Amino acid sequence: MLFVMLALSTATLTAPFSCTVTRVHDGDGPLWCSNGIKVRIAGVQAPDFESASPCRAADPRRVNYRCDNTAAKRSQQIVERLVLRRTLRCEATGKSYSRIVARCTLPDGRSLSCAAIASGAAVRWDRYWRQYRMGECR
């Protein structure tokens, strides 16, 4: 099983992949895919649950982090409505912890990152938006 997980992770760094979402942690991920991949939504930042590691340790570099359980739950629910049990088309842009950072497209053709921003689940994280060459939202 571990070999399969490593193979999937390696493959997704070089080729587009599908993700049928089975679980959503919060508004920027991870999203758990039925194939075992965990996806962090590229270019956005959503509120974190107060138990998240960035919220437990003060760090002045983390000015974009909002630690608020109510806001994180709302963000999670919005993203769940967008993606849960749906199949996304994703393209890896990097890795973050044990997750694949990816630009994903919803079944209706919209960018998941742009949809998360438009719905109020997340905000554009300019540093990574530029790094991942996210383009403009329509």
Protein backbone atom coordinates (compact mmCIF):
# COMPACT_ATOMS: atom_id res chain seq x y z
CA MET A 1 0.00 0.00 0.00
CA LEU A 2 2.80 2.43 0.85
CA PHE A 3 4.37 1.74 -2.55
CA VAL A 4 1.07 2.60 -4.27
CA MET A 5 0.82 5.86 -2.31
CA LEU A 6 4.38 6.83 -3.23
CA ALA A 7 3.78 5.97 -6.87
CA LEU A 8 0.61 8.07 -6.94
CA SER A 9 2.36 11.01 -5.30
CA THR A 10 5.27 10.85 -7.72
CA ALA A 11 3.02 10.49 -10.75
CA THR A 12 0.92 13.50 -9.81
CA LEU A 13 3.97 15.75 -9.80
CA THR A 14 4.47 15.22 -13.52
CA ALA A 15 1.03 14.60 -14.99
CA PRO A 16 -2.52 15.89 -14.54
CA PHE A 17 -4.61 13.67 -12.29
CA SER A 18 -8.21 13.18 -11.24
CA CYS A 19 -9.40 13.58 -7.68
CA THR A 20 -12.79 12.32 -6.54
CA VAL A 21 -13.12 14.17 -3.24
CA THR A 22 -14.12 12.08 -0.23
CA ARG A 23 -13.31 14.54 2.58
CA VAL A 24 -12.47 18.24 3.07
CA HIS A 25 -10.43 19.51 6.01
CA ASP A 26 -10.92 23.25 5.54
CA GLY A 27 -11.24 25.88 2.82
CA ASP A 28 -7.79 25.36 1.32
CA GLY A 29 -7.38 21.66 2.02
CA PRO A 30 -6.35 19.12 2.30
CA LEU A 31 -8.93 17.51 0.11
CA TRP A 32 -8.78 13.73 0.38
CA CYS A 33 -9.10 11.99 -2.98
CA SER A 34 -10.49 8.47 -3.35
CA ASN A 35 -7.12 7.39 -4.83
CA GLY A 36 -5.28 8.34 -1.60
CA ILE A 37 -3.85 11.67 -2.75
CA LYS A 38 -4.22 14.69 -0.45
CA VAL A 39 -4.54 18.04 -2.25
CA ARG A 40 -3.80 21.52 -0.97
CA ILE A 41 -5.68 24.07 -3.15
CA ALA A 42 -3.10 26.26 -4.91
CA GLY A 43 -2.91 30.02 -4.45
CA VAL A 44 -5.47 30.53 -1.68
CA GLN A 45 -5.55 30.85 2.09
CA ALA A 46 -8.57 29.97 4.21
CA PRO A 47 -9.17 30.35 7.94
CA ASP A 48 -7.55 27.60 9.98
CA PHE A 49 -8.97 25.68 12.91
CA GLU A 50 -7.41 26.85 16.16
CA SER A 51 -5.82 23.41 16.60
CA ALA A 52 -3.80 23.76 13.35
CA SER A 53 -0.03 23.93 13.83
CA PRO A 54 0.27 27.50 12.43
CA CYS A 55 -2.22 28.62 15.09
CA ARG A 56 -0.51 26.91 18.02
CA ALA A 57 2.88 28.64 17.61
CA ALA A 58 3.30 32.39 17.23
CA ASP A 59 5.30 33.26 14.12
CA PRO A 60 5.40 36.78 12.65
CA ARG A 61 5.87 35.32 9.15
CA ARG A 62 2.37 33.88 9.34
CA VAL A 63 0.47 37.15 9.05
CA ASN A 64 -1.97 35.62 6.53
CA TYR A 65 -3.19 32.97 8.95
CA ARG A 66 -6.59 33.45 10.50
CA CYS A 67 -7.22 31.09 13.39
CA ASP A 68 -10.94 30.93 14.04
CA ASN A 69 -12.92 27.71 14.45
CA THR A 70 -16.22 29.27 13.35
CA ALA A 71 -14.72 30.80 10.21
CA ALA A 72 -12.78 27.59 9.42
CA LYS A 73 -15.95 25.48 9.74
CA ARG A 74 -17.86 27.88 7.45
CA SER A 75 -15.03 27.76 4.91
CA GLN A 76 -14.93 23.95 5.10
CA GLN A 77 -18.68 23.72 4.47
CA ILE A 78 -18.50 26.02 1.45
CA VAL A 79 -15.72 23.98 -0.13
CA GLU A 80 -17.54 20.74 0.68
CA ARG A 81 -20.54 22.02 -1.29
CA LEU A 82 -18.23 22.74 -4.23
CA VAL A 83 -16.27 19.48 -4.31
CA LEU A 84 -17.51 16.65 -2.09
CA ARG A 85 -18.14 13.44 -4.10
CA ARG A 86 -17.21 15.27 -7.33
CA THR A 87 -14.28 14.49 -9.60
CA LEU A 88 -11.80 17.31 -10.12
CA ARG A 89 -9.12 17.55 -12.77
CA CYS A 90 -5.90 18.67 -11.09
CA GLU A 91 -2.38 19.69 -12.05
CA ALA A 92 0.33 19.59 -9.41
CA THR A 93 2.30 22.76 -8.78
CA GLY A 94 4.37 21.51 -5.84
CA LYS A 95 4.23 19.86 -2.44
CA SER A 96 3.35 21.17 1.01
CA TYR A 97 3.91 18.82 3.93
CA SER A 98 2.35 15.50 2.84
CA ARG A 99 0.02 17.15 0.33
CA ILE A 100 0.19 17.86 -3.38
CA VAL A 101 -0.37 21.57 -4.06
CA ALA A 102 -2.55 21.65 -7.17
CA ARG A 103 -4.56 23.81 -9.52
CA CYS A 104 -7.86 21.99 -9.83
CA THR A 105 -10.80 22.41 -12.15
CA LEU A 106 -14.37 21.72 -11.06
CA PRO A 107 -16.57 19.50 -13.25
CA ASP A 108 -18.24 22.65 -14.69
CA GLY A 109 -14.84 23.96 -15.87
CA ARG A 110 -14.30 26.62 -13.19
CA SER A 111 -11.05 26.97 -11.31
CA LEU A 112 -11.47 25.61 -7.77
CA SER A 113 -9.18 28.35 -6.44
CA CYS A 114 -11.31 31.06 -8.07
CA ALA A 115 -14.54 29.40 -6.91
CA ALA A 116 -13.24 29.26 -3.31
CA ILE A 117 -12.42 32.97 -3.48
CA ALA A 118 -15.72 33.95 -5.10
CA SER A 119 -17.71 31.97 -2.51
CA GLY A 120 -15.92 33.58 0.42
CA ALA A 121 -14.29 30.34 1.57
CA ALA A 122 -10.75 31.63 0.98
CA VAL A 123 -8.76 34.65 -0.10
CA ARG A 124 -6.12 34.96 -2.77
CA TRP A 125 -2.66 34.39 -1.32
CA ASP A 126 -0.70 36.68 -3.62
CA ARG A 127 2.75 35.23 -3.01
CA TYR A 128 1.65 31.73 -4.03
CA TRP A 129 -0.83 32.95 -6.65
CA ARG A 130 2.09 34.45 -8.56
CA GLN A 131 4.43 31.52 -7.81
CA TYR A 132 1.92 29.01 -9.18
CA ARG A 133 1.00 31.26 -12.13
CA MET A 134 -2.68 31.03 -11.33
CA GLY A 135 -3.90 33.61 -13.85
CA GLU A 136 -7.07 35.62 -13.56
CA CYS A 137 -10.42 34.53 -12.20
CA ARG A 138 -13.41 34.94 -14.51
